C-alpha atoms as a PDB file:
ATOM      1  CA  MET A   1      -0.322   0.180   0.053  1.00  0.00           C
ATOM      2  CA  GLY A   2       1.268   3.342  -1.016  1.00  0.00           C
ATOM      3  CA  ASN A   3       1.173   6.389   1.141  1.00  0.00           C
ATOM      4  CA  SER A   4      -2.042   7.656  -0.380  1.00  0.00           C
ATOM      5  CA  GLY A   5      -3.341   4.498   0.382  1.00  0.00           C
ATOM      6  CA  ALA A   6      -2.293   4.443   3.850  1.00  0.00           C
ATOM      7  CA  LYS A   7      -3.320   8.200   4.450  1.00  0.00           C
ATOM      8  CA  LYS A   8      -6.438   7.357   3.052  1.00  0.00           C
ATOM      9  CA  THR A   9      -7.210   4.721   5.258  1.00  0.00           C
ATOM     10  CA  LEU A  10      -6.087   6.686   8.142  1.00  0.00           C
ATOM     11  CA  LEU A  11      -8.329   9.399   7.242  1.00  0.00           C
ATOM     12  CA  LEU A  12     -11.096   6.736   6.842  1.00  0.00           C
ATOM     13  CA  PHE A  13     -10.397   5.488  10.523  1.00  0.00           C
ATOM     14  CA  ILE A  14     -10.165   8.786  12.600  1.00  0.00           C
ATOM     15  CA  TYR A  15     -13.574   9.515  10.779  1.00  0.00           C
ATOM     16  CA  THR A  16     -15.360   6.676  11.090  1.00  0.00           C
ATOM     17  CA  CYS A  17     -13.820   6.919  15.175  1.00  0.00           C
ATOM     18  CA  LEU A  18     -15.063   9.992  15.253  1.00  0.00           C
ATOM     19  CA  ALA A  19     -18.685   9.499  14.167  1.00  0.00           C
ATOM     20  CA  ALA A  20     -19.030   6.661  16.565  1.00  0.00           C
ATOM     21  CA  VAL A  21     -18.185   8.774  19.526  1.00  0.00           C
ATOM     22  CA  CYS A  22     -20.688  11.567  18.853  1.00  0.00           C
ATOM     23  CA  PHE A  23     -23.008   9.219  18.273  1.00  0.00           C
ATOM     24  CA  ALA A  24     -22.722   6.974  21.271  1.00  0.00           C
ATOM     25  CA  TYR A  25     -22.195  10.528  23.143  1.00  0.00           C
ATOM     26  CA  GLY A  26     -25.973  11.829  21.427  1.00  0.00           C
ATOM     27  CA  PHE A  27     -27.059   8.704  22.936  1.00  0.00           C
ATOM     28  CA  ILE A  28     -25.699   9.581  26.453  1.00  0.00           C
ATOM     29  CA  ILE A  29     -27.250  13.321  26.140  1.00  0.00           C
ATOM     30  CA  TYR A  30     -30.072  11.648  25.248  1.00  0.00           C
ATOM     31  CA  SER A  31     -30.659   9.411  27.930  1.00  0.00           C
ATOM     32  CA  THR A  32     -30.446  11.836  30.920  1.00  0.00           C
ATOM     33  CA  GLY A  33     -34.003  13.168  29.975  1.00  0.00           C
ATOM     34  CA  SER A  34     -32.544  16.621  29.939  1.00  0.00           C
ATOM     35  CA  GLY A  35     -36.125  17.781  28.639  1.00  0.00           C
ATOM     36  CA  THR A  36     -33.964  19.363  25.043  1.00  0.00           C
ATOM     37  CA  SER A  37     -33.682  18.094  21.903  1.00  0.00           C
ATOM     38  CA  PHE A  38     -29.865  19.531  21.724  1.00  0.00           C
ATOM     39  CA  PHE A  39     -28.420  15.657  21.810  1.00  0.00           C
ATOM     40  CA  ILE A  40     -29.264  15.116  18.045  1.00  0.00           C
ATOM     41  CA  THR A  41     -26.446  18.116  17.089  1.00  0.00           C
ATOM     42  CA  TRP A  42     -24.310  15.394  18.330  1.00  0.00           C
ATOM     43  CA  PHE A  43     -25.893  12.870  15.510  1.00  0.00           C
ATOM     44  CA  ALA A  44     -25.713  15.609  13.167  1.00  0.00           C
ATOM     45  CA  ILE A  45     -21.566  16.024  13.593  1.00  0.00           C
ATOM     46  CA  GLY A  46     -21.771  12.304  13.952  1.00  0.00           C
ATOM     47  CA  THR A  47     -23.516  12.202  10.514  1.00  0.00           C
ATOM     48  CA  LEU A  48     -21.292  14.767   9.492  1.00  0.00           C
ATOM     49  CA  PHE A  49     -18.081  12.985   9.980  1.00  0.00           C
ATOM     50  CA  LEU A  50     -19.511   9.472   8.177  1.00  0.00           C
ATOM     51  CA  GLY A  51     -20.105  12.242   4.894  1.00  0.00           C
ATOM     52  CA  CYS A  52     -16.149  13.192   5.445  1.00  0.00           C
ATOM     53  CA  ASP A  53     -15.875   8.964   5.080  1.00  0.00           C
ATOM     54  CA  ILE A  54     -17.720   8.932   2.060  1.00  0.00           C
ATOM     55  CA  VAL A  55     -15.652  11.686   0.295  1.00  0.00           C
ATOM     56  CA  VAL A  56     -12.546  10.177   1.368  1.00  0.00           C
ATOM     57  CA  GLY A  57     -13.956   6.436   0.548  1.00  0.00           C
ATOM     58  CA  PHE A  58     -15.018   7.310  -3.032  1.00  0.00           C
ATOM     59  CA  ASN A  59     -12.020  10.197  -4.114  1.00  0.00           C
ATOM     60  CA  ILE A  60     -15.131  12.965  -3.609  1.00  0.00           C
ATOM     61  CA  TYR A  61     -12.897  16.220  -2.250  1.00  0.00           C
ATOM     62  CA  GLY A  62     -10.065  15.502  -5.785  1.00  0.00           C
ATOM     63  CA  LYS A  63     -13.428  16.267  -8.132  1.00  0.00           C
ATOM     64  CA  ILE A  64     -14.351  19.793  -6.470  1.00  0.00           C
ATOM     65  CA  PRO A  65     -13.548  22.644  -8.222  1.00  0.00           C
ATOM     66  CA  LYS A  66     -11.246  24.614  -6.665  1.00  0.00           C
ATOM     67  CA  ILE A  67     -13.347  27.591  -5.983  1.00  0.00           C
ATOM     68  CA  PHE A  68     -15.801  25.550  -4.228  1.00  0.00           C
ATOM     69  CA  LYS A  69     -12.529  24.184  -2.353  1.00  0.00           C
ATOM     70  CA  LYS A  70     -11.783  27.662  -1.158  1.00  0.00           C
ATOM     71  CA  VAL A  71     -14.994  28.486  -0.010  1.00  0.00           C
ATOM     72  CA  LEU A  72     -15.205  25.272   2.396  1.00  0.00           C
ATOM     73  CA  LEU A  73     -12.237  25.614   3.629  1.00  0.00           C
ATOM     74  CA  LEU A  74     -12.717  29.335   4.264  1.00  0.00           C
ATOM     75  CA  PHE A  75     -15.957  28.438   5.816  1.00  0.00           C
ATOM     76  CA  ALA A  76     -14.221  25.943   7.910  1.00  0.00           C
ATOM     77  CA  ALA A  77     -11.716  28.511   8.961  1.00  0.00           C
ATOM     78  CA  ILE A  78     -14.455  30.734  10.198  1.00  0.00           C
ATOM     79  CA  VAL A  79     -16.202  28.227  12.294  1.00  0.00           C
ATOM     80  CA  LEU A  80     -13.171  26.929  13.524  1.00  0.00           C
ATOM     81  CA  SER A  81     -11.669  30.409  15.189  1.00  0.00           C
ATOM     82  CA  SER A  82     -15.262  31.595  16.288  1.00  0.00           C
ATOM     83  CA  PHE A  83     -15.425  27.946  17.854  1.00  0.00           C
ATOM     84  CA  VAL A  84     -12.204  28.701  19.447  1.00  0.00           C
ATOM     85  CA  THR A  85     -12.532  32.422  20.392  1.00  0.00           C
ATOM     86  CA  VAL A  86     -16.120  31.735  22.099  1.00  0.00           C
ATOM     87  CA  GLU A  87     -14.759  28.977  24.162  1.00  0.00           C
ATOM     88  CA  SER A  88     -12.411  30.393  25.409  1.00  0.00           C
ATOM     89  CA  PHE A  89     -14.045  33.574  26.944  1.00  0.00           C
ATOM     90  CA  ILE A  90     -16.838  31.057  27.926  1.00  0.00           C
ATOM     91  CA  ILE A  91     -13.951  29.435  30.190  1.00  0.00           C
ATOM     92  CA  SER A  92     -13.068  32.437  31.593  1.00  0.00           C
ATOM     93  CA  GLY A  93     -16.340  32.821  33.323  1.00  0.00           C
ATOM     94  CA  PHE A  94     -15.019  28.953  35.353  1.00  0.00           C
ATOM     95  CA  PHE A  95     -13.765  31.396  38.261  1.00  0.00           C
ATOM     96  CA  SER A  96     -15.618  32.592  41.156  1.00  0.00           C
ATOM     97  CA  ASP A  97     -15.090  36.500  41.992  1.00  0.00           C
ATOM     98  CA  TYR A  98     -15.901  35.672  45.668  1.00  0.00           C
ATOM     99  CA  ALA A  99     -17.849  38.271  47.168  1.00  0.00           C
ATOM    100  CA  GLY A 100     -19.112  38.208  50.721  1.00  0.00           C
ATOM    101  CA  ASN A 101     -22.360  39.709  52.230  1.00  0.00           C
ATOM    102  CA  LEU A 102     -24.039  40.549  49.356  1.00  0.00           C
ATOM    103  CA  ASP A 103     -27.414  41.569  49.007  1.00  0.00           C
ATOM    104  CA  TYR A 104     -29.179  39.630  46.781  1.00  0.00           C
ATOM    105  CA  ILE A 105     -27.968  36.316  44.849  1.00  0.00           C
ATOM    106  CA  ILE A 106     -29.962  34.918  42.008  1.00  0.00           C
ATOM    107  CA  VAL A 107     -30.231  31.292  41.242  1.00  0.00           C
ATOM    108  CA  LEU A 108     -31.304  30.718  37.303  1.00  0.00           C
ATOM    109  CA  GLY A 109     -33.138  28.297  36.700  1.00  0.00           C
ATOM    110  CA  ALA A 110     -32.671  24.823  34.983  1.00  0.00           C
ATOM    111  CA  GLN A 111     -35.444  21.667  34.232  1.00  0.00           C
ATOM    112  CA  VAL A 112     -37.122  20.133  37.491  1.00  0.00           C
ATOM    113  CA  TYR A 113     -38.869  17.067  37.361  1.00  0.00           C
ATOM    114  CA  SER A 114     -41.652  16.049  40.067  1.00  0.00           C
ATOM    115  CA  GLU A 115     -38.816  14.311  41.928  1.00  0.00           C
ATOM    116  CA  GLY A 116     -36.420  17.303  42.055  1.00  0.00           C
ATOM    117  CA  PRO A 117     -34.544  19.236  40.053  1.00  0.00           C
ATOM    118  CA  SER A 118     -32.071  17.645  37.554  1.00  0.00           C
ATOM    119  CA  ALA A 119     -28.128  17.589  38.448  1.00  0.00           C
ATOM    120  CA  ILE A 120     -26.940  20.963  36.556  1.00  0.00           C
ATOM    121  CA  LEU A 121     -29.602  22.247  38.725  1.00  0.00           C
ATOM    122  CA  LYS A 122     -28.717  20.665  42.092  1.00  0.00           C
ATOM    123  CA  TYR A 123     -25.295  22.046  41.524  1.00  0.00           C
ATOM    124  CA  ARG A 124     -26.192  25.422  41.384  1.00  0.00           C
ATOM    125  CA  LEU A 125     -28.437  25.408  44.256  1.00  0.00           C
ATOM    126  CA  ASP A 126     -25.894  23.617  46.161  1.00  0.00           C
ATOM    127  CA  GLU A 127     -23.638  26.337  45.892  1.00  0.00           C
ATOM    128  CA  ALA A 128     -26.648  28.793  46.810  1.00  0.00           C
ATOM    129  CA  ALA A 129     -27.001  26.786  49.972  1.00  0.00           C
ATOM    130  CA  LYS A 130     -23.603  26.956  50.708  1.00  0.00           C
ATOM    131  CA  TYR A 131     -23.034  30.987  50.462  1.00  0.00           C
ATOM    132  CA  LEU A 132     -26.276  31.542  52.124  1.00  0.00           C
ATOM    133  CA  LYS A 133     -24.840  29.545  55.066  1.00  0.00           C
ATOM    134  CA  GLN A 134     -22.205  31.531  55.089  1.00  0.00           C
ATOM    135  CA  ASN A 135     -23.784  35.291  54.535  1.00  0.00           C
ATOM    136  CA  LEU A 136     -26.537  34.775  56.735  1.00  0.00           C
ATOM    137  CA  ASN A 137     -27.947  38.530  55.574  1.00  0.00           C
ATOM    138  CA  THR A 138     -28.241  37.617  52.080  1.00  0.00           C
ATOM    139  CA  ILE A 139     -31.376  37.027  50.403  1.00  0.00           C
ATOM    140  CA  CYS A 140     -31.924  34.717  47.346  1.00  0.00           C
ATOM    141  CA  ILE A 141     -33.844  34.897  44.804  1.00  0.00           C
ATOM    142  CA  VAL A 142     -34.671  31.887  42.677  1.00  0.00           C
ATOM    143  CA  SER A 143     -35.687  32.288  38.768  1.00  0.00           C
ATOM    144  CA  GLY A 144     -37.392  29.948  36.538  1.00  0.00           C
ATOM    145  CA  GLY A 145     -41.027  29.631  35.350  1.00  0.00           C
ATOM    146  CA  GLN A 146     -42.831  26.251  33.817  1.00  0.00           C
ATOM    147  CA  GLY A 147     -41.288  24.460  30.605  1.00  0.00           C
ATOM    148  CA  HIS A 148     -43.622  22.612  28.581  1.00  0.00           C
ATOM    149  CA  ASN A 149     -42.356  19.368  30.039  1.00  0.00           C
ATOM    150  CA  GLU A 150     -41.921  20.252  33.847  1.00  0.00           C
ATOM    151  CA  PRO A 151     -44.511  19.597  36.361  1.00  0.00           C
ATOM    152  CA  PHE A 152     -44.094  23.306  37.992  1.00  0.00           C
ATOM    153  CA  ALA A 153     -42.400  26.441  37.980  1.00  0.00           C
ATOM    154  CA  GLU A 154     -38.611  25.538  38.083  1.00  0.00           C
ATOM    155  CA  ALA A 155     -38.460  28.476  40.727  1.00  0.00           C
ATOM    156  CA  ILE A 156     -41.037  26.561  43.248  1.00  0.00           C
ATOM    157  CA  GLY A 157     -38.966  22.681  42.860  1.00  0.00           C
ATOM    158  CA  MET A 158     -35.737  25.175  43.890  1.00  0.00           C
ATOM    159  CA  LYS A 159     -37.325  27.104  46.628  1.00  0.00           C
ATOM    160  CA  LYS A 160     -38.176  23.363  48.330  1.00  0.00           C
ATOM    161  CA  TYR A 161     -35.057  21.930  47.572  1.00  0.00           C
ATOM    162  CA  LEU A 162     -32.932  25.182  49.350  1.00  0.00           C
ATOM    163  CA  GLU A 163     -35.843  24.779  52.247  1.00  0.00           C
ATOM    164  CA  GLU A 164     -34.398  20.931  52.912  1.00  0.00           C
ATOM    165  CA  ALA A 165     -31.134  22.118  52.760  1.00  0.00           C
ATOM    166  CA  GLY A 166     -32.107  24.488  55.654  1.00  0.00           C
ATOM    167  CA  ILE A 167     -32.494  27.817  54.107  1.00  0.00           C
ATOM    168  CA  GLU A 168     -35.383  29.947  55.897  1.00  0.00           C
ATOM    169  CA  GLU A 169     -38.610  30.280  53.490  1.00  0.00           C
ATOM    170  CA  LYS A 170     -38.032  34.268  54.446  1.00  0.00           C
ATOM    171  CA  ARG A 171     -34.749  34.418  52.783  1.00  0.00           C
ATOM    172  CA  ILE A 172     -35.978  32.849  49.298  1.00  0.00           C
ATOM    173  CA  LEU A 173     -37.943  35.096  47.116  1.00  0.00           C
ATOM    174  CA  LEU A 174     -39.727  33.328  44.122  1.00  0.00           C
ATOM    175  CA  GLU A 175     -39.257  34.601  39.902  1.00  0.00           C
ATOM    176  CA  SER A 176     -41.537  32.312  38.331  1.00  0.00           C
ATOM    177  CA  ASP A 177     -42.200  33.324  35.129  1.00  0.00           C
ATOM    178  CA  SER A 178     -39.357  33.412  33.038  1.00  0.00           C
ATOM    179  CA  LYS A 179     -38.536  31.102  30.018  1.00  0.00           C
ATOM    180  CA  ASN A 180     -34.514  31.919  29.207  1.00  0.00           C
ATOM    181  CA  THR A 181     -31.527  33.875  30.831  1.00  0.00           C
ATOM    182  CA  ASN A 182     -32.305  37.536  30.271  1.00  0.00           C
ATOM    183  CA  GLN A 183     -35.721  37.063  31.297  1.00  0.00           C
ATOM    184  CA  ASN A 184     -34.196  35.327  34.520  1.00  0.00           C
ATOM    185  CA  ILE A 185     -32.029  38.572  34.893  1.00  0.00           C
ATOM    186  CA  THR A 186     -34.883  41.065  33.910  1.00  0.00           C
ATOM    187  CA  ASN A 187     -37.803  39.721  36.255  1.00  0.00           C
ATOM    188  CA  SER A 188     -35.522  39.254  39.196  1.00  0.00           C
ATOM    189  CA  MET A 189     -34.409  43.001  39.087  1.00  0.00           C
ATOM    190  CA  LYS A 190     -37.940  43.761  40.357  1.00  0.00           C
ATOM    191  CA  TYR A 191     -36.968  42.607  43.398  1.00  0.00           C
ATOM    192  CA  ILE A 192     -33.689  43.892  43.798  1.00  0.00           C
ATOM    193  CA  GLU A 193     -33.505  47.875  45.549  1.00  0.00           C
ATOM    194  CA  PRO A 194     -31.570  50.051  43.307  1.00  0.00           C
ATOM    195  CA  GLY A 195     -27.858  50.180  44.485  1.00  0.00           C
ATOM    196  CA  LYS A 196     -27.440  46.720  46.483  1.00  0.00           C
ATOM    197  CA  SER A 197     -24.986  44.447  45.713  1.00  0.00           C
ATOM    198  CA  VAL A 198     -25.927  41.505  43.527  1.00  0.00           C
ATOM    199  CA  GLY A 199     -24.466  37.851  42.890  1.00  0.00           C
ATOM    200  CA  ILE A 200     -25.403  35.687  39.972  1.00  0.00           C
ATOM    201  CA  VAL A 201     -25.284  31.891  40.852  1.00  0.00           C
ATOM    202  CA  THR A 202     -24.882  29.513  37.682  1.00  0.00           C
ATOM    203  CA  ASN A 203     -22.667  26.451  36.254  1.00  0.00           C
ATOM    204  CA  ASN A 204     -19.478  27.540  35.008  1.00  0.00           C
ATOM    205  CA  PHE A 205     -20.287  26.978  31.439  1.00  0.00           C
ATOM    206  CA  HIS A 206     -22.808  29.274  31.882  1.00  0.00           C
ATOM    207  CA  MET A 207     -21.660  31.730  33.734  1.00  0.00           C
ATOM    208  CA  PHE A 208     -19.418  34.019  30.877  1.00  0.00           C
ATOM    209  CA  ARG A 209     -23.325  34.793  29.165  1.00  0.00           C
ATOM    210  CA  ALA A 210     -25.200  35.365  32.630  1.00  0.00           C
ATOM    211  CA  LEU A 211     -22.359  37.785  33.576  1.00  0.00           C
ATOM    212  CA  GLN A 212     -23.183  39.377  29.809  1.00  0.00           C
ATOM    213  CA  THR A 213     -26.754  39.532  30.276  1.00  0.00           C
ATOM    214  CA  ALA A 214     -27.011  40.530  33.661  1.00  0.00           C
ATOM    215  CA  LYS A 215     -24.846  43.913  32.966  1.00  0.00           C
ATOM    216  CA  LYS A 216     -26.889  44.350  29.605  1.00  0.00           C
ATOM    217  CA  GLN A 217     -29.450  44.846  32.169  1.00  0.00           C
ATOM    218  CA  GLY A 218     -28.449  47.354  33.916  1.00  0.00           C
ATOM    219  CA  LEU A 219     -26.509  45.365  37.040  1.00  0.00           C
ATOM    220  CA  ARG A 220     -23.505  47.405  37.180  1.00  0.00           C
ATOM    221  CA  GLU A 221     -20.965  44.780  38.966  1.00  0.00           C
ATOM    222  CA  PRO A 222     -22.468  41.353  39.041  1.00  0.00           C
ATOM    223  CA  HIS A 223     -20.618  38.793  41.065  1.00  0.00           C
ATOM    224  CA  ALA A 224     -19.983  35.170  39.943  1.00  0.00           C
ATOM    225  CA  ILE A 225     -20.843  32.171  42.020  1.00  0.00           C
ATOM    226  CA  VAL A 226     -19.416  29.582  39.976  1.00  0.00           C
ATOM    227  CA  ALA A 227     -21.213  26.089  40.361  1.00  0.00           C
ATOM    228  CA  GLY A 228     -19.682  23.094  38.761  1.00  0.00           C
ATOM    229  CA  MET A 229     -21.364  20.163  37.037  1.00  0.00           C
ATOM    230  CA  ASP A 230     -20.298  16.806  36.228  1.00  0.00           C
ATOM    231  CA  ASN A 231     -17.689  16.490  33.547  1.00  0.00           C
ATOM    232  CA  LEU A 232     -19.655  13.972  31.611  1.00  0.00           C
ATOM    233  CA  TYR A 233     -21.518  16.438  30.516  1.00  0.00           C
ATOM    234  CA  LEU A 234     -19.692  19.330  30.206  1.00  0.00           C
ATOM    235  CA  PRO A 235     -18.349  19.305  26.382  1.00  0.00           C
ATOM    236  CA  ASN A 236     -22.808  18.643  25.320  1.00  0.00           C
ATOM    237  CA  ASN A 237     -23.139  21.760  27.572  1.00  0.00           C
ATOM    238  CA  MET A 238     -20.205  24.024  26.297  1.00  0.00           C
ATOM    239  CA  LEU A 239     -21.151  22.900  22.615  1.00  0.00           C
ATOM    240  CA  ARG A 240     -24.819  24.697  23.152  1.00  0.00           C
ATOM    241  CA  GLU A 241     -23.478  27.137  25.273  1.00  0.00           C
ATOM    242  CA  TYR A 242     -21.539  28.716  21.837  1.00  0.00           C
ATOM    243  CA  PHE A 243     -24.399  28.594  20.178  1.00  0.00           C
ATOM    244  CA  GLY A 244     -26.478  30.275  23.323  1.00  0.00           C
ATOM    245  CA  GLU A 245     -23.488  33.100  23.046  1.00  0.00           C
ATOM    246  CA  LEU A 246     -23.462  33.261  19.487  1.00  0.00           C
ATOM    247  CA  SER A 247     -27.286  34.731  20.016  1.00  0.00           C
ATOM    248  CA  PHE A 248     -26.581  36.722  22.443  1.00  0.00           C
ATOM    249  CA  LEU A 249     -23.863  38.773  20.449  1.00  0.00           C
ATOM    250  CA  ILE A 250     -26.468  39.086  17.463  1.00  0.00           C
ATOM    251  CA  SER A 251     -29.642  39.783  19.721  1.00  0.00           C
END
């Protein structure tokens, strides 16, 4: 087998492996019952890699006109550059700028089930409970409405979880109308007196955009109270957040 044949075999192997990984990961995300259809994105990426197998296997790339090759490569370079840039900013939000004795903290909602909060939301609530126990004068706003696949408003489930964690009911304010991050911040600000200090509680992958949104809505110096998450699902949420950030920038 010549060098070209060996290269072709290697590419076919790589693309096939990448496709298999994407399909397998998509099924893992689907099995979590997260309430979103974003797992389809992983199936789409896996299909794209299978398409690369076809292109390589049938030597299609060599038959494509040069002008189309240049356009394709330029598009790929733009997408890759934007992805790396956006993900770098997202990663910059992984770190808390911890500030004690804040007047308010806003806990951003996520999927709830009849038996309790989703795994991602539990991380946020546990971080909020930890902060509230260390800062006894801080008021907590739990923010999240009811999705079509949720048994009740996210804020209701969040309040119950915090109370069971030992947080007094009088320290928890409910904001149960929001459907997205922008509404979380906008609606929560109705409970906040002007000039008061505010912290945002959300997962690491979501913090950069959450702070952007808070500043856009008029919070001058929102503080980051970063919750972690299960690393198995981090790639999915990082990819999803890439699209979320693009949507934020063009809105």
